[in-house]
């Protein structure tokens, strides 16, 4: 009978230990699920931030291309204007030379 009581106490003690382990496992599982959910939210946020960054980079690249095209266009305009002024100056110089020759004759 004493052996039976000792075995019953040991079994009860083991059952209590198993129950504590089950509760600890359930708490650990819940914590792990919470951390996984937080990680997924962070990952989703990271993906969103990456998409926003890529979009901003693409927008800046488009603006850079537009600005480069504008600079090239302005440069070409300045070159045309400079060439036109050079041609006008040459015409004026030739007219002055001709006028000087005419006055000598």
C-alpha atoms as a PDB file:
ATOM      1  CA  UNK A   1       0.000   0.000   0.000  1.00  0.00           C
ATOM      2  CA  UNK A   2       2.854   2.359   0.816  1.00  0.00           C
ATOM      3  CA  UNK A   3       4.458   1.552  -2.523  1.00  0.00           C
ATOM      4  CA  UNK A   4       1.154   2.230  -4.232  1.00  0.00           C
ATOM      5  CA  UNK A   5       0.877   5.628  -2.492  1.00  0.00           C
ATOM      6  CA  UNK A   6       4.472   6.502  -3.426  1.00  0.00           C
ATOM      7  CA  UNK A   7       3.767   5.560  -7.051  1.00  0.00           C
ATOM      8  CA  UNK A   8       0.548   7.595  -7.006  1.00  0.00           C
ATOM      9  CA  UNK A   9       2.402  10.631  -5.613  1.00  0.00           C
ATOM     10  CA  UNK A  10       5.159  10.223  -8.187  1.00  0.00           C
ATOM     11  CA  UNK A  11       2.562   9.896 -10.964  1.00  0.00           C
ATOM     12  CA  UNK A  12       0.727  12.977  -9.672  1.00  0.00           C
ATOM     13  CA  UNK A  13       4.010  14.857  -9.464  1.00  0.00           C
ATOM     14  CA  UNK A  14       4.917  13.787 -13.017  1.00  0.00           C
ATOM     15  CA  UNK A  15       1.456  14.794 -14.249  1.00  0.00           C
ATOM     16  CA  UNK A  16       1.907  18.227 -12.656  1.00  0.00           C
ATOM     17  CA  UNK A  17       5.360  18.553 -14.265  1.00  0.00           C
ATOM     18  CA  UNK A  18       3.936  17.532 -17.646  1.00  0.00           C
ATOM     19  CA  UNK A  19       1.145  20.095 -17.262  1.00  0.00           C
ATOM     20  CA  UNK A  20       3.694  22.808 -16.382  1.00  0.00           C
ATOM     21  CA  UNK A  21       5.734  21.847 -19.442  1.00  0.00           C
ATOM     22  CA  UNK A  22       2.617  21.970 -21.611  1.00  0.00           C
ATOM     23  CA  UNK A  23       1.793  25.450 -20.308  1.00  0.00           C
ATOM     24  CA  UNK A  24       5.375  26.589 -20.849  1.00  0.00           C
ATOM     25  CA  UNK A  25       5.294  25.146 -24.364  1.00  0.00           C
ATOM     26  CA  UNK A  26       1.982  26.887 -25.089  1.00  0.00           C
ATOM     27  CA  UNK A  27       3.418  30.197 -23.806  1.00  0.00           C
ATOM     28  CA  UNK A  28       6.558  29.709 -25.901  1.00  0.00           C
ATOM     29  CA  UNK A  29       4.464  28.865 -28.945  1.00  0.00           C
ATOM     30  CA  UNK A  30       2.334  31.989 -28.414  1.00  0.00           C
ATOM     31  CA  UNK A  31       5.458  34.141 -28.049  1.00  0.00           C
ATOM     32  CA  UNK A  32       6.936  32.601 -31.191  1.00  0.00           C
ATOM     33  CA  UNK A  33       3.730  33.224 -33.146  1.00  0.00           C
ATOM     34  CA  UNK A  34       3.688  36.834 -31.905  1.00  0.00           C
ATOM     35  CA  UNK A  35       7.310  37.336 -32.929  1.00  0.00           C
ATOM     36  CA  UNK A  36       6.644  35.759 -36.324  1.00  0.00           C
ATOM     37  CA  UNK A  37       3.660  38.062 -36.864  1.00  0.00           C
ATOM     38  CA  UNK A  38       5.778  41.080 -35.847  1.00  0.00           C
ATOM     39  CA  UNK A  39       8.540  39.976 -38.201  1.00  0.00           C
ATOM     40  CA  UNK A  40       6.065  39.567 -41.055  1.00  0.00           C
ATOM     41  CA  UNK A  41       4.724  43.064 -40.385  1.00  0.00           C
ATOM     42  CA  UNK A  42       8.263  44.439 -40.352  1.00  0.00           C
ATOM     43  CA  UNK A  43       9.040  42.553 -43.570  1.00  0.00           C
ATOM     44  CA  UNK A  44       5.883  43.898 -45.188  1.00  0.00           C
ATOM     45  CA  UNK A  45       6.828  47.383 -44.021  1.00  0.00           C
ATOM     46  CA  UNK A  46      10.307  46.847 -45.395  1.00  0.00           C
ATOM     47  CA  UNK A  47       8.881  45.717 -48.742  1.00  0.00           C
ATOM     48  CA  UNK A  48       6.646  48.803 -48.782  1.00  0.00           C
ATOM     49  CA  UNK A  49       9.591  51.072 -47.972  1.00  0.00           C
ATOM     50  CA  UNK A  50      11.638  49.377 -50.684  1.00  0.00           C
ATOM     51  CA  UNK A  51       8.842  49.954 -53.225  1.00  0.00           C
ATOM     52  CA  UNK A  52       8.593  53.615 -52.183  1.00  0.00           C
ATOM     53  CA  UNK A  53      12.378  54.021 -52.466  1.00  0.00           C
ATOM     54  CA  UNK A  54      12.457  52.376 -55.878  1.00  0.00           C
ATOM     55  CA  UNK A  55       9.612  54.632 -57.028  1.00  0.00           C
ATOM     56  CA  UNK A  56      11.428  57.725 -55.739  1.00  0.00           C
ATOM     57  CA  UNK A  57      14.651  56.620 -57.450  1.00  0.00           C
ATOM     58  CA  UNK A  58      12.797  56.092 -60.737  1.00  0.00           C
ATOM     59  CA  UNK A  59      11.189  59.516 -60.395  1.00  0.00           C
ATOM     60  CA  UNK A  60      14.552  61.154 -59.708  1.00  0.00           C
ATOM     61  CA  UNK A  61      16.091  59.336 -62.670  1.00  0.00           C
ATOM     62  CA  UNK A  62      13.290  60.613 -64.931  1.00  0.00           C
ATOM     63  CA  UNK A  63      13.827  64.150 -63.636  1.00  0.00           C
ATOM     64  CA  UNK A  64      17.567  63.814 -64.240  1.00  0.00           C
ATOM     65  CA  UNK A  65      16.974  62.679 -67.832  1.00  0.00           C
ATOM     66  CA  UNK A  66      14.566  65.582 -68.357  1.00  0.00           C
ATOM     67  CA  UNK A  67      17.060  68.051 -66.887  1.00  0.00           C
ATOM     68  CA  UNK A  68      19.861  66.644 -69.043  1.00  0.00           C
ATOM     69  CA  UNK A  69      17.671  67.031 -72.131  1.00  0.00           C
ATOM     70  CA  UNK A  70      16.898  70.614 -71.108  1.00  0.00           C
ATOM     71  CA  UNK A  71      20.598  71.387 -70.607  1.00  0.00           C
ATOM     72  CA  UNK A  72      21.438  69.914 -74.027  1.00  0.00           C
ATOM     73  CA  UNK A  73      18.609  71.892 -75.618  1.00  0.00           C
ATOM     74  CA  UNK A  74      19.764  75.115 -73.942  1.00  0.00           C
ATOM     75  CA  UNK A  75      23.358  74.454 -74.987  1.00  0.00           C
ATOM     76  CA  UNK A  76      22.264  73.887 -78.583  1.00  0.00           C
ATOM     77  CA  UNK A  77      20.219  77.082 -78.424  1.00  0.00           C
ATOM     78  CA  UNK A  78      23.227  79.026 -77.129  1.00  0.00           C
ATOM     79  CA  UNK A  79      25.426  77.530 -79.838  1.00  0.00           C
ATOM     80  CA  UNK A  80      22.916  78.528 -82.537  1.00  0.00           C
ATOM     81  CA  UNK A  81      22.622  82.015 -81.091  1.00  0.00           C
ATOM     82  CA  UNK A  82      26.405  82.329 -80.869  1.00  0.00           C
ATOM     83  CA  UNK A  83      26.770  81.156 -84.484  1.00  0.00           C
ATOM     84  CA  UNK A  84      24.056  83.590 -85.577  1.00  0.00           C
ATOM     85  CA  UNK A  85      25.748  86.471 -83.760  1.00  0.00           C
ATOM     86  CA  UNK A  86      29.096  85.442 -85.243  1.00  0.00           C
ATOM     87  CA  UNK A  87      27.564  85.486 -88.729  1.00  0.00           C
ATOM     88  CA  UNK A  88      25.968  88.885 -88.063  1.00  0.00           C
ATOM     89  CA  UNK A  89      29.287  90.233 -86.777  1.00  0.00           C
ATOM     90  CA  UNK A  90      31.014  88.929 -89.918  1.00  0.00           C
ATOM     91  CA  UNK A  91      28.388  90.628 -92.086  1.00  0.00           C
ATOM     92  CA  UNK A  92      28.888  93.903 -90.200  1.00  0.00           C
ATOM     93  CA  UNK A  93      32.675  93.590 -90.510  1.00  0.00           C
ATOM     94  CA  UNK A  94      32.386  92.912 -94.253  1.00  0.00           C
ATOM     95  CA  UNK A  95      30.014  95.861 -94.635  1.00  0.00           C
ATOM     96  CA  UNK A  96      32.478  98.102 -92.774  1.00  0.00           C
ATOM     97  CA  UNK A  97      35.362  96.872 -94.934  1.00  0.00           C
ATOM     98  CA  UNK A  98      33.297  97.491 -98.082  1.00  0.00           C
ATOM     99  CA  UNK A  99      32.214 100.887 -96.830  1.00  0.00           C
ATOM    100  CA  UNK A 100      35.852 101.772 -96.122  1.00  0.00           C
ATOM    101  CA  UNK A 101      36.871 100.626 -99.628  1.00  0.00           C
ATOM    102  CA  UNK A 102      34.042 102.598-101.185  1.00  0.00           C
ATOM    103  CA  UNK A 103      35.061 105.704 -99.312  1.00  0.00           C
ATOM    104  CA  UNK A 104      38.660 105.293-100.511  1.00  0.00           C
ATOM    105  CA  UNK A 105      37.509 105.183-104.110  1.00  0.00           C
END
